[in-house]
Amino acid sequence: MASFGCGADELSSLTQLLASTGLPGGNASTAGHFICDKLNSISNQLSATSLAVDNSFLLFSAYLVLIMQLGFAMLCAGSVRAKNAMNIVLINVLDAACGGLSYYLVGFAFAFGTGDYVNGFIGNYFFGLSRYPDAAAGLDYSFFLMQWAFAVATLGITCGSIAERTHFGAYLIYSFFLTGFVYPIVSHWIWTTDGWASASKTSNLLFGSGAIDFAGCGVVHMVGGIAGFWGAFIEGPRIGRFSRSGSSMEMRGHSGTLVILGTFILWFGWFGFNPGSFIKILVPYGPGSFTGNWTGVGRTAVTTTLSGCAAAMTTLFSQRVLTGEWRVADVCNGLLGGFAAITAGCAVVDPWAAVICGIVASWVLISCNMLAERIHYDDPLEAAQLHGGCGTWGLIFTGLFAKREYVMEVYGRDASTPHGLFLGGGGRLLAANVVEILAIAAWVSVTMGTLFFALHKLGLLRISEEDEMAGLDIAYHGGPAYYLEDNQKLKSTQSFDQSPRPPPNYRTASPVPGTPYRNYYESPRPVFASPSISSMAA
């Protein structure tokens, strides 16, 4: 914000001006000091107001991002079987708690600590928030809170991939490591002014552009998704997820209601995640301009919404064609896939481009899920496919559709700045984003893949077969999550042969011959063939 205050030069000029009007020298000097003092007071108040507004905007955004942890908890709880509901909800609470301590002690320093020794790979300042806030760097406590909320959102992604069969202690170990070391280094690469791939650098930009990952397709979604992939891949699928013959056995979550509730909460929180990444809102795009960061914030909320909506509708009709069903979980995941994909380019693309982003994100998610079944990969929440796959597409999409005008406004560039390939901006931005994709995939695979493999070899990753069959709630948390009455526990598991059949009016083709039904809501059930076109119309 422009200053209205008086320096020594302004005071001297003002005193001379007053003296030229006929005021005696002493009176002119006194009047000049008085006017300058008043102007300095106004300037200081305006500066404080600007800081207060920007910090309030950032704090409110951080609160919205933290609310996403509740969304993750509800989505996870609804997507797992009832016998594991309490476990997965507690894990989401501990993601925030354990991640908070880890990020406070070392993570924030590795991510944004730019002290005496500056390098593009890792930060080295602000350990334990020492010498913080930093007025010279413009960093206050609101910034730390926002970045912590982002860090623990990454944990929420990973925990969904390894749900229903992971040791409780393994969650705590990977949570501390991911938020304290793996994630912060990636955020240093992309989101600091000295990161080697950052688009915010003032010189030596990667390919003259830097990687534009505005709110974290790569930094958050790919990191969480790839970490979850390695955890789920190394520990293997849940018992019963695939038959001995290799066919897929569907294991639906126990509550579509919780899935929808979690989806809506995440949608609400995304308005802090993407628009809040502007950090400051009182930044005009020119003197007396009608537009500023407040315009970018609004546009980002619109592009985020449209991408999610397009992905949801595309998934709805695509899955209807593929399965013959209007599937609740698939539509919710499609919506979230659209949100994840737009995260990188939300601030630098037009609304019409966001619709394209969402449509393609839906197909990316569906394709990733088909590939996962083919290779017998089991992810109860489709988290690796959704966040890893759609996050990758989001970075490519930004390299294709970023608009020059928006890149200039958001990143302070001139008219020669690289932008989207399809909008005449050349391929340098796309190349930088592809390098980011490859670097993140390699970094997370080496670090988190090694950690999960070590936990596996030490017998600390996967629970026993008996505990998995009984359910984590009973094995680790003292009992099931649900009760029918005060003294009557809801039975969450039934034997294979005694399980009830699906409702008699359930409209599907016959199950796989010779395969008995399992508990319809709790245990794996055969994947039914798609109904015929005539039955779909019925």
Protein backbone atom coordinates (compact mmCIF):
# COMPACT_ATOMS: atom_id res chain seq x y z
CA MET A 1 0.00 0.00 0.00
CA ALA A 2 1.28 3.49 -0.90
CA SER A 3 2.60 5.57 2.02
CA PHE A 4 0.98 8.89 2.97
CA GLY A 5 3.72 9.76 5.47
CA CYS A 6 6.34 12.51 5.44
CA GLY A 7 10.06 11.90 5.26
CA ALA A 8 12.77 14.51 5.76
CA ASP A 9 12.60 15.64 2.14
CA GLU A 10 8.82 15.98 2.20
CA LEU A 11 8.99 17.96 5.49
CA SER A 12 11.55 20.36 4.05
CA SER A 13 9.50 20.93 0.91
CA LEU A 14 6.33 21.46 2.93
CA THR A 15 8.06 23.96 5.25
CA GLN A 16 9.35 25.94 2.26
CA LEU A 17 5.89 25.94 0.71
CA LEU A 18 4.32 27.27 3.89
CA ALA A 19 7.02 29.94 4.24
CA SER A 20 6.35 31.10 0.68
CA THR A 21 2.79 31.91 1.69
CA GLY A 22 4.03 34.56 4.12
CA LEU A 23 4.23 32.54 7.32
CA PRO A 24 7.23 33.39 9.48
CA GLY A 25 9.98 30.76 9.38
CA GLY A 26 9.31 29.43 12.87
CA ASN A 27 5.60 29.14 12.29
CA ALA A 28 6.11 27.50 8.92
CA SER A 29 8.39 24.88 10.48
CA THR A 30 5.92 24.22 13.29
CA ALA A 31 3.01 23.91 10.88
CA GLY A 32 5.03 21.60 8.62
CA HIS A 33 5.89 19.28 11.50
CA PHE A 34 2.26 19.23 12.62
CA ILE A 35 0.93 18.32 9.16
CA CYS A 36 3.60 15.67 8.66
CA ASP A 37 2.88 14.11 12.06
CA LYS A 38 -0.78 13.82 11.14
CA LEU A 39 0.03 12.31 7.74
CA ASN A 40 2.45 9.83 9.36
CA SER A 41 -0.24 8.84 11.83
CA ILE A 42 -2.74 8.24 9.00
CA SER A 43 -0.14 6.28 7.04
CA ASN A 44 0.70 4.06 10.01
CA GLN A 45 -2.98 3.39 10.66
CA LEU A 46 -3.61 2.48 7.02
CA SER A 47 -0.58 0.18 7.04
CA ALA A 48 -1.81 -1.53 10.23
CA THR A 49 -5.28 -1.89 8.74
CA SER A 50 -3.85 -3.46 5.60
CA LEU A 51 -1.85 -5.96 7.65
CA ALA A 52 -4.90 -6.73 9.79
CA VAL A 53 -7.12 -7.35 6.76
CA ASP A 54 -4.53 -9.58 5.04
CA ASN A 55 -3.87 -11.56 8.22
CA SER A 56 -7.58 -11.96 8.93
CA PHE A 57 -8.10 -13.22 5.38
CA LEU A 58 -5.28 -15.71 5.84
CA LEU A 59 -6.49 -16.87 9.26
CA PHE A 60 -10.02 -17.40 7.97
CA SER A 61 -8.62 -19.37 5.03
CA ALA A 62 -6.56 -21.50 7.44
CA TYR A 63 -9.68 -22.24 9.49
CA LEU A 64 -11.47 -23.40 6.31
CA VAL A 65 -8.56 -25.65 5.36
CA LEU A 66 -8.55 -27.14 8.87
CA ILE A 67 -12.27 -27.87 8.53
CA MET A 68 -11.24 -30.16 5.67
CA GLN A 69 -9.87 -32.54 8.30
CA LEU A 70 -13.45 -33.03 9.47
CA GLY A 71 -14.42 -33.64 5.86
CA PHE A 72 -11.65 -36.22 5.47
CA ALA A 73 -12.76 -37.90 8.70
CA MET A 74 -16.40 -38.19 7.60
CA LEU A 75 -15.46 -39.30 4.08
CA CYS A 76 -13.07 -41.92 5.43
CA ALA A 77 -15.54 -43.17 8.03
CA GLY A 78 -18.28 -43.61 5.45
CA SER A 79 -15.95 -45.30 2.98
CA VAL A 80 -14.73 -48.04 5.32
CA ARG A 81 -16.66 -50.86 6.93
CA ALA A 82 -18.36 -50.18 10.26
CA LYS A 83 -15.87 -52.32 12.17
CA ASN A 84 -13.10 -49.83 11.30
CA ALA A 85 -15.00 -46.54 11.61
CA MET A 86 -13.66 -45.44 15.00
CA ASN A 87 -10.08 -46.21 13.98
CA ILE A 88 -10.11 -44.11 10.82
CA VAL A 89 -11.76 -41.14 12.53
CA LEU A 90 -9.16 -41.19 15.31
CA ILE A 91 -6.40 -41.37 12.71
CA ASN A 92 -7.70 -38.18 11.14
CA VAL A 93 -7.59 -36.46 14.54
CA LEU A 94 -4.03 -37.65 15.10
CA ASP A 95 -3.01 -36.49 11.62
CA ALA A 96 -3.68 -32.93 12.75
CA ALA A 97 -2.13 -33.43 16.20
CA CYS A 98 1.01 -35.35 15.26
CA GLY A 99 1.43 -33.31 12.09
CA GLY A 100 1.11 -30.12 14.09
CA LEU A 101 4.02 -30.97 16.38
CA SER A 102 6.17 -32.26 13.55
CA TYR A 103 5.56 -29.20 11.41
CA TYR A 104 6.20 -26.87 14.33
CA LEU A 105 9.49 -28.50 15.31
CA VAL A 106 11.15 -28.95 11.91
CA GLY A 107 8.69 -28.98 9.00
CA PHE A 108 8.05 -25.25 8.73
CA ALA A 109 11.77 -24.54 8.93
CA PHE A 110 12.53 -26.98 6.11
CA ALA A 111 9.75 -25.45 4.02
CA PHE A 112 10.01 -21.68 4.53
CA GLY A 113 13.09 -21.06 6.66
CA THR A 114 15.33 -18.77 4.63
CA GLY A 115 18.07 -17.64 6.99
CA ASP A 116 21.73 -16.82 6.38
CA TYR A 117 22.28 -19.85 4.15
CA VAL A 118 19.80 -19.98 1.28
CA ASN A 119 19.45 -22.87 -1.16
CA GLY A 120 16.81 -24.11 -3.55
CA PHE A 121 16.41 -27.56 -1.98
CA ILE A 122 15.63 -27.13 1.72
CA GLY A 123 15.04 -24.37 4.26
CA ASN A 124 17.10 -24.05 7.43
CA TYR A 125 15.54 -21.39 9.64
CA PHE A 126 12.65 -20.95 12.12
CA PHE A 127 13.11 -24.34 13.84
CA GLY A 128 10.52 -24.50 16.60
CA LEU A 129 9.35 -21.07 15.38
CA SER A 130 12.46 -19.47 16.84
CA ARG A 131 13.00 -15.86 15.67
CA TYR A 132 9.44 -15.79 14.42
CA PRO A 133 7.45 -13.74 13.30
CA ASP A 134 9.87 -12.22 10.81
CA ALA A 135 8.95 -8.67 9.78
CA ALA A 136 11.68 -8.54 7.13
CA ALA A 137 10.27 -11.63 5.40
CA GLY A 138 6.68 -10.54 6.02
CA LEU A 139 5.86 -13.78 7.84
CA ASP A 140 3.45 -13.75 10.79
CA TYR A 141 1.76 -16.52 12.80
CA SER A 142 -1.19 -16.62 10.40
CA PHE A 143 1.15 -17.82 7.65
CA PHE A 144 2.44 -20.66 9.82
CA LEU A 145 -1.11 -21.74 10.67
CA MET A 146 -2.10 -21.80 7.01
CA GLN A 147 0.91 -23.88 6.02
CA TRP A 148 0.33 -26.31 8.89
CA ALA A 149 -3.26 -26.81 7.72
CA PHE A 150 -1.94 -27.63 4.23
CA ALA A 151 0.61 -30.06 5.63
CA VAL A 152 -1.93 -32.08 7.63
CA ALA A 153 -4.28 -32.15 4.61
CA THR A 154 -1.54 -34.17 2.90
CA LEU A 155 -1.73 -36.69 5.74
CA GLY A 156 -5.49 -36.98 5.30
CA ILE A 157 -4.92 -38.13 1.74
CA THR A 158 -2.38 -40.79 2.66
CA CYS A 159 -4.31 -42.33 5.55
CA GLY A 160 -7.25 -43.18 3.29
CA SER A 161 -5.11 -45.34 1.02
CA ILE A 162 -3.92 -47.63 3.82
CA ALA A 163 -7.15 -47.78 5.81
CA GLU A 164 -8.55 -50.95 7.43
CA ARG A 165 -5.32 -52.96 7.69
CA THR A 166 -2.53 -50.76 9.07
CA HIS A 167 -0.86 -50.81 12.47
CA PHE A 168 -1.82 -47.85 14.62
CA GLY A 169 1.82 -47.06 15.36
CA ALA A 170 2.68 -46.98 11.67
CA TYR A 171 0.29 -44.06 11.21
CA LEU A 172 2.16 -42.04 13.84
CA ILE A 173 5.55 -42.80 12.32
CA TYR A 174 4.66 -41.87 8.76
CA SER A 175 2.68 -38.81 9.92
CA PHE A 176 5.72 -37.33 11.66
CA PHE A 177 8.04 -38.14 8.76
CA LEU A 178 5.74 -36.89 6.01
CA THR A 179 4.89 -33.54 7.60
CA GLY A 180 8.31 -33.03 9.14
CA PHE A 181 10.51 -33.83 6.17
CA VAL A 182 9.01 -35.10 2.89
CA TYR A 183 6.22 -32.58 2.32
CA PRO A 184 8.13 -29.48 3.57
CA ILE A 185 10.98 -30.00 1.11
CA VAL A 186 8.58 -30.19 -1.83
CA SER A 187 6.80 -27.04 -0.68
CA HIS A 188 10.21 -25.33 -0.45
CA TRP A 189 10.91 -26.24 -4.08
CA ILE A 190 7.66 -24.76 -5.37
CA TRP A 191 6.37 -22.12 -2.96
CA THR A 192 9.38 -20.11 -1.78
CA THR A 193 11.24 -17.34 -3.52
CA ASP A 194 14.42 -19.42 -3.66
CA GLY A 195 13.02 -22.87 -4.50
CA TRP A 196 14.67 -24.38 -7.56
CA ALA A 197 11.35 -24.88 -9.40
CA SER A 198 9.44 -21.92 -7.95
CA ALA A 199 7.47 -19.55 -10.16
CA SER A 200 7.87 -16.86 -7.48
CA LYS A 201 11.61 -16.42 -7.99
CA THR A 202 12.83 -13.10 -9.37
CA SER A 203 15.57 -14.66 -11.51
CA ASN A 204 16.87 -17.99 -12.83
CA LEU A 205 13.39 -19.41 -13.32
CA LEU A 206 13.13 -23.03 -14.46
CA PHE A 207 12.80 -22.80 -18.29
CA GLY A 208 12.25 -19.07 -17.81
CA SER A 209 8.88 -19.85 -16.26
CA GLY A 210 9.03 -21.87 -13.08
CA ALA A 211 6.41 -24.46 -12.20
CA ILE A 212 3.00 -22.91 -11.56
CA ASP A 213 1.38 -24.98 -8.84
CA PHE A 214 -0.68 -22.27 -7.19
CA ALA A 215 -2.44 -24.21 -4.42
CA GLY A 216 -0.75 -27.60 -4.59
CA CYS A 217 -1.68 -30.17 -7.23
CA GLY A 218 1.85 -31.46 -6.89
CA VAL A 219 2.87 -30.14 -3.48
CA VAL A 220 -0.19 -31.49 -1.63
CA HIS A 221 -2.17 -33.90 -3.80
CA MET A 222 0.65 -35.72 -5.56
CA VAL A 223 2.73 -35.96 -2.40
CA GLY A 224 -0.17 -37.40 -0.39
CA GLY A 225 -1.38 -39.62 -3.22
CA ILE A 226 2.01 -41.13 -4.08
CA ALA A 227 2.82 -41.68 -0.40
CA GLY A 228 -0.51 -43.48 -0.01
CA PHE A 229 0.16 -45.54 -3.12
CA TRP A 230 3.40 -46.92 -1.77
CA GLY A 231 1.88 -47.68 1.61
CA ALA A 232 -1.06 -49.57 0.12
CA PHE A 233 1.07 -51.30 -2.52
CA ILE A 234 3.65 -52.57 -0.04
CA GLU A 235 1.17 -53.87 2.54
CA GLY A 236 -1.13 -55.39 -0.08
CA PRO A 237 -4.91 -55.49 -0.47
CA ARG A 238 -7.40 -56.10 2.31
CA ILE A 239 -8.45 -59.66 3.02
CA GLY A 240 -11.23 -60.57 0.60
CA ARG A 241 -10.70 -57.66 -1.78
CA PHE A 242 -9.66 -60.04 -4.56
CA SER A 243 -10.68 -63.67 -4.85
CA ARG A 244 -8.27 -66.56 -5.26
CA SER A 245 -9.05 -66.56 -8.96
CA GLY A 246 -8.08 -62.91 -9.15
CA SER A 247 -11.52 -61.42 -9.65
CA SER A 248 -12.44 -58.18 -7.91
CA MET A 249 -14.69 -58.39 -4.85
CA GLU A 250 -16.42 -55.10 -4.07
CA MET A 251 -16.02 -53.83 -0.50
CA ARG A 252 -18.38 -50.91 -0.08
CA GLY A 253 -18.19 -48.48 2.80
CA HIS A 254 -20.86 -48.69 5.47
CA SER A 255 -22.40 -45.20 5.17
CA GLY A 256 -23.17 -43.27 2.02
CA THR A 257 -24.56 -40.53 4.26
CA LEU A 258 -21.16 -39.92 5.86
CA VAL A 259 -19.52 -39.96 2.44
CA ILE A 260 -21.82 -37.19 1.22
CA LEU A 261 -21.41 -35.21 4.44
CA GLY A 262 -17.63 -35.42 4.16
CA THR A 263 -17.75 -34.39 0.51
CA PHE A 264 -19.76 -31.25 1.25
CA ILE A 265 -17.43 -30.30 4.12
CA LEU A 266 -14.42 -30.74 1.84
CA TRP A 267 -16.13 -28.62 -0.82
CA PHE A 268 -16.61 -25.85 1.75
CA GLY A 269 -13.03 -26.13 2.94
CA TRP A 270 -11.67 -25.94 -0.59
CA PHE A 271 -12.74 -22.28 -0.66
CA GLY A 272 -10.01 -21.71 1.90
CA PHE A 273 -7.56 -24.06 0.22
CA ASN A 274 -7.50 -22.53 -3.26
CA PRO A 275 -8.55 -18.86 -2.86
CA GLY A 276 -6.66 -18.62 0.43
CA SER A 277 -3.41 -19.42 -1.36
CA PHE A 278 -3.27 -15.80 -2.48
CA ILE A 279 -2.05 -15.14 1.10
CA LYS A 280 -2.82 -11.42 0.74
CA ILE A 281 -6.07 -9.92 -0.50
CA LEU A 282 -5.34 -6.14 -0.42
CA VAL A 283 -3.13 -6.11 -3.51
CA PRO A 284 -4.40 -3.98 -6.43
CA TYR A 285 -3.35 -4.86 -9.98
CA GLY A 286 -2.63 -1.20 -10.79
CA PRO A 287 -3.08 2.33 -9.43
CA GLY A 288 -6.78 2.98 -8.97
CA SER A 289 -7.56 -0.43 -10.50
CA PHE A 290 -10.99 -1.98 -10.07
CA THR A 291 -9.29 -5.38 -9.96
CA GLY A 292 -6.81 -6.81 -7.52
CA ASN A 293 -6.14 -9.95 -5.54
CA TRP A 294 -9.75 -9.71 -4.38
CA THR A 295 -10.72 -10.36 -8.02
CA GLY A 296 -8.32 -13.28 -8.23
CA VAL A 297 -9.76 -14.73 -5.03
CA GLY A 298 -13.27 -14.60 -6.47
CA ARG A 299 -12.20 -16.04 -9.81
CA THR A 300 -10.35 -18.86 -8.06
CA ALA A 301 -13.50 -19.78 -6.10
CA VAL A 302 -15.44 -19.87 -9.37
CA THR A 303 -12.94 -22.04 -11.25
CA THR A 304 -12.70 -24.40 -8.28
CA THR A 305 -16.48 -24.79 -8.18
CA LEU A 306 -16.88 -25.31 -11.93
CA SER A 307 -14.15 -27.93 -12.16
CA GLY A 308 -15.70 -29.96 -9.33
CA CYS A 309 -19.20 -29.65 -10.79
CA ALA A 310 -18.07 -30.73 -14.26
CA ALA A 311 -16.19 -33.71 -12.82
CA ALA A 312 -19.18 -34.79 -10.72
CA MET A 313 -21.61 -34.74 -13.64
CA THR A 314 -19.16 -36.47 -15.96
CA THR A 315 -18.60 -39.20 -13.39
CA LEU A 316 -22.33 -39.62 -12.79
CA PHE A 317 -23.15 -40.41 -16.40
CA SER A 318 -19.90 -42.25 -17.15
CA GLN A 319 -20.46 -44.66 -14.28
CA ARG A 320 -24.09 -45.09 -15.28
CA VAL A 321 -22.91 -46.30 -18.66
CA LEU A 322 -20.15 -48.48 -17.19
CA THR A 323 -22.01 -50.02 -14.24
CA GLY A 324 -25.68 -49.29 -14.77
CA GLU A 325 -25.87 -47.55 -11.40
CA TRP A 326 -26.05 -43.98 -10.11
CA ARG A 327 -23.20 -44.51 -7.66
CA VAL A 328 -22.93 -42.19 -4.67
CA ALA A 329 -19.29 -42.78 -3.75
CA ASP A 330 -18.12 -42.51 -7.34
CA VAL A 331 -19.89 -39.19 -7.88
CA CYS A 332 -18.44 -37.79 -4.65
CA ASN A 333 -14.95 -38.93 -5.59
CA GLY A 334 -15.40 -37.48 -9.07
CA LEU A 335 -16.33 -34.13 -7.55
CA LEU A 336 -13.25 -34.20 -5.33
CA GLY A 337 -11.11 -35.23 -8.29
CA GLY A 338 -12.22 -32.11 -10.12
CA PHE A 339 -11.29 -29.98 -7.12
CA ALA A 340 -7.89 -31.66 -6.84
CA ALA A 341 -7.15 -31.19 -10.55
CA ILE A 342 -7.93 -27.45 -10.64
CA THR A 343 -5.75 -26.73 -7.61
CA ALA A 344 -2.60 -25.92 -9.60
CA GLY A 345 -4.16 -23.57 -12.11
CA CYS A 346 -7.19 -22.24 -10.25
CA ALA A 347 -5.84 -18.67 -10.15
CA VAL A 348 -4.53 -18.48 -13.73
CA VAL A 349 -7.25 -20.05 -15.91
CA ASP A 350 -10.63 -18.90 -17.17
CA PRO A 351 -13.88 -20.49 -15.96
CA TRP A 352 -14.48 -22.22 -19.31
CA ALA A 353 -11.09 -23.94 -19.00
CA ALA A 354 -12.00 -25.12 -15.50
CA VAL A 355 -14.93 -27.05 -16.97
CA ILE A 356 -12.54 -28.86 -19.32
CA CYS A 357 -10.26 -29.59 -16.37
CA GLY A 358 -13.11 -31.23 -14.45
CA ILE A 359 -14.33 -33.33 -17.37
CA VAL A 360 -10.89 -34.77 -18.04
CA ALA A 361 -10.23 -35.24 -14.31
CA SER A 362 -13.26 -37.51 -14.12
CA TRP A 363 -11.93 -39.71 -16.92
CA VAL A 364 -8.47 -39.75 -15.35
CA LEU A 365 -9.95 -41.00 -12.07
CA ILE A 366 -12.08 -43.67 -13.75
CA SER A 367 -9.08 -44.86 -15.77
CA CYS A 368 -6.84 -44.98 -12.70
CA ASN A 369 -9.45 -47.05 -10.86
CA MET A 370 -9.65 -49.50 -13.76
CA LEU A 371 -5.87 -49.83 -13.76
CA ALA A 372 -5.84 -50.33 -9.98
CA GLU A 373 -8.24 -53.27 -10.24
CA ARG A 374 -6.21 -54.79 -13.05
CA ILE A 375 -3.01 -54.80 -10.99
CA HIS A 376 -4.85 -55.82 -7.78
CA TYR A 377 -4.11 -52.54 -6.02
CA ASP A 378 -6.47 -51.83 -3.12
CA ASP A 379 -7.18 -48.27 -1.96
CA PRO A 380 -10.39 -48.04 0.10
CA LEU A 381 -10.87 -44.34 -0.66
CA GLU A 382 -9.31 -44.26 -4.14
CA ALA A 383 -7.01 -41.63 -2.63
CA ALA A 384 -3.90 -42.44 -4.66
CA GLN A 385 -5.88 -42.51 -7.89
CA LEU A 386 -7.83 -39.37 -7.05
CA HIS A 387 -5.09 -37.16 -5.63
CA GLY A 388 -2.11 -38.64 -7.44
CA GLY A 389 -3.78 -39.10 -10.81
CA CYS A 390 -5.90 -35.94 -10.85
CA GLY A 391 -3.08 -33.91 -9.29
CA THR A 392 -0.80 -34.96 -12.14
CA TRP A 393 -3.43 -34.00 -14.70
CA GLY A 394 -3.90 -30.64 -12.97
CA LEU A 395 -0.25 -29.69 -13.48
CA ILE A 396 -0.40 -30.68 -17.14
CA PHE A 397 -3.67 -28.79 -17.54
CA THR A 398 -2.09 -25.61 -16.13
CA GLY A 399 0.74 -25.85 -18.63
CA LEU A 400 -1.84 -26.01 -21.41
CA PHE A 401 -4.48 -23.45 -20.33
CA ALA A 402 -2.80 -20.80 -18.10
CA LYS A 403 -3.78 -17.33 -19.33
CA ARG A 404 -1.04 -14.72 -19.79
CA GLU A 405 -3.01 -11.88 -18.18
CA TYR A 406 -3.62 -13.87 -15.01
CA VAL A 407 -0.02 -15.11 -14.81
CA MET A 408 1.14 -11.49 -15.06
CA GLU A 409 -1.21 -10.39 -12.28
CA VAL A 410 -0.67 -13.25 -9.87
CA TYR A 411 3.10 -13.66 -10.31
CA GLY A 412 4.06 -10.08 -11.20
CA ARG A 413 5.38 -10.93 -14.65
CA ASP A 414 5.68 -8.87 -17.84
CA ALA A 415 3.94 -9.54 -21.15
CA SER A 416 6.66 -11.93 -22.31
CA THR A 417 5.94 -14.46 -19.58
CA PRO A 418 5.43 -18.09 -20.62
CA HIS A 419 1.84 -19.27 -20.25
CA GLY A 420 -0.46 -22.00 -21.51
CA LEU A 421 0.61 -23.90 -24.63
CA PHE A 422 -2.93 -23.91 -26.06
CA LEU A 423 -3.20 -20.14 -25.55
CA GLY A 424 -0.05 -19.32 -27.49
CA GLY A 425 2.34 -19.24 -24.56
CA GLY A 426 4.80 -21.84 -25.79
CA GLY A 427 5.84 -25.03 -24.04
CA ARG A 428 8.13 -23.69 -21.31
CA LEU A 429 5.49 -23.60 -18.56
CA LEU A 430 4.33 -27.09 -19.50
CA ALA A 431 7.93 -28.32 -19.43
CA ALA A 432 8.49 -26.81 -15.98
CA ASN A 433 5.33 -28.47 -14.65
CA VAL A 434 6.32 -31.84 -16.14
CA VAL A 435 9.68 -31.54 -14.37
CA GLU A 436 7.80 -30.87 -11.13
CA ILE A 437 5.70 -34.00 -11.67
CA LEU A 438 8.79 -36.16 -12.22
CA ALA A 439 10.69 -34.65 -9.31
CA ILE A 440 7.82 -35.13 -6.84
CA ALA A 441 7.18 -38.70 -8.01
CA ALA A 442 10.86 -39.57 -7.56
CA TRP A 443 11.27 -37.79 -4.20
CA VAL A 444 8.16 -39.24 -2.57
CA SER A 445 8.82 -42.71 -3.95
CA VAL A 446 12.36 -42.77 -2.58
CA THR A 447 11.47 -41.37 0.84
CA MET A 448 8.01 -42.73 1.63
CA GLY A 449 8.51 -45.94 -0.33
CA THR A 450 11.62 -46.66 1.71
CA LEU A 451 9.85 -45.84 4.98
CA PHE A 452 6.87 -48.10 4.27
CA PHE A 453 9.14 -50.91 3.11
CA ALA A 454 11.19 -50.64 6.31
CA LEU A 455 8.02 -50.71 8.43
CA HIS A 456 6.87 -53.75 6.48
CA LYS A 457 10.14 -55.61 7.04
CA LEU A 458 10.04 -54.79 10.75
CA GLY A 459 6.47 -56.11 11.02
CA LEU A 460 5.15 -52.68 11.97
CA LEU A 461 3.02 -51.91 8.94
CA ARG A 462 0.19 -54.42 8.60
CA ILE A 463 -1.97 -55.85 11.36
CA SER A 464 -2.54 -59.57 11.86
CA GLU A 465 -5.18 -61.47 9.89
CA GLU A 466 -7.16 -62.04 13.10
CA ASP A 467 -7.25 -58.32 13.93
CA GLU A 468 -8.20 -57.43 10.38
CA MET A 469 -11.11 -59.87 10.38
CA ALA A 470 -12.31 -58.70 13.78
CA GLY A 471 -11.93 -55.05 12.88
CA LEU A 472 -9.57 -52.37 14.12
CA ASP A 473 -12.18 -50.88 16.46
CA ILE A 474 -12.33 -54.08 18.49
CA ALA A 475 -8.64 -54.92 18.14
CA TYR A 476 -7.26 -51.50 19.07
CA HIS A 477 -9.95 -49.23 20.48
CA GLY A 478 -11.94 -51.25 22.99
CA GLY A 479 -15.07 -51.99 21.00
CA PRO A 480 -17.14 -51.15 17.92
CA ALA A 481 -18.16 -47.64 16.94
CA TYR A 482 -21.91 -48.30 16.97
CA TYR A 483 -24.40 -49.55 19.55
CA LEU A 484 -28.02 -50.54 19.00
CA GLU A 485 -28.96 -49.79 22.62
CA ASP A 486 -27.11 -48.71 25.74
CA ASN A 487 -25.87 -52.21 26.53
CA GLN A 488 -26.11 -53.89 23.17
CA LYS A 489 -23.20 -53.57 20.77
CA LEU A 490 -23.86 -53.50 17.05
CA LYS A 491 -22.41 -56.67 15.65
CA SER A 492 -20.07 -55.56 12.88
CA THR A 493 -18.92 -58.91 11.51
CA GLN A 494 -20.70 -62.08 10.58
CA SER A 495 -19.40 -65.41 9.42
CA PHE A 496 -19.28 -65.97 5.70
CA ASP A 497 -21.86 -68.75 5.56
CA GLN A 498 -24.36 -67.18 7.97
CA SER A 499 -24.44 -63.77 6.28
CA PRO A 500 -27.78 -62.57 4.94
CA ARG A 501 -28.37 -62.33 1.25
CA PRO A 502 -28.87 -58.97 -0.45
CA PRO A 503 -32.42 -57.62 -0.46
CA PRO A 504 -34.60 -59.77 -2.75
CA ASN A 505 -35.59 -56.83 -4.94
CA TYR A 506 -32.01 -55.72 -5.54
CA ARG A 507 -31.90 -55.28 -9.30
CA THR A 508 -28.66 -56.84 -10.56
CA ALA A 509 -27.60 -59.82 -12.55
CA SER A 510 -26.89 -63.09 -10.79
CA PRO A 511 -23.76 -63.26 -8.66
CA VAL A 512 -20.70 -65.22 -9.65
CA PRO A 513 -21.77 -68.92 -9.70
CA GLY A 514 -20.74 -70.83 -6.63
CA THR A 515 -19.87 -67.75 -4.61
CA PRO A 516 -22.00 -67.34 -1.47
CA TYR A 517 -23.15 -63.93 -0.38
CA ARG A 518 -21.31 -62.10 2.34
CA ASN A 519 -22.80 -59.58 4.71
CA TYR A 520 -24.23 -57.09 2.25
CA TYR A 521 -23.03 -53.96 4.01
CA GLU A 522 -19.96 -55.08 5.90
CA SER A 523 -17.94 -57.60 3.91
CA PRO A 524 -16.78 -58.11 0.34
CA ARG A 525 -19.44 -59.05 -2.15
CA PRO A 526 -19.08 -60.21 -5.74
CA VAL A 527 -18.95 -57.54 -8.40
CA PHE A 528 -22.14 -57.94 -10.41
CA ALA A 529 -22.32 -57.73 -14.17
CA SER A 530 -23.75 -54.55 -15.61
CA PRO A 531 -27.48 -54.75 -16.31
CA SER A 532 -28.70 -54.84 -19.84
CA ILE A 533 -29.88 -51.71 -21.59
CA SER A 534 -33.48 -52.86 -21.25
CA SER A 535 -33.15 -53.34 -17.49
CA MET A 536 -31.50 -49.94 -17.16
CA ALA A 537 -34.57 -48.39 -18.66
CA ALA A 538 -36.86 -50.23 -16.28
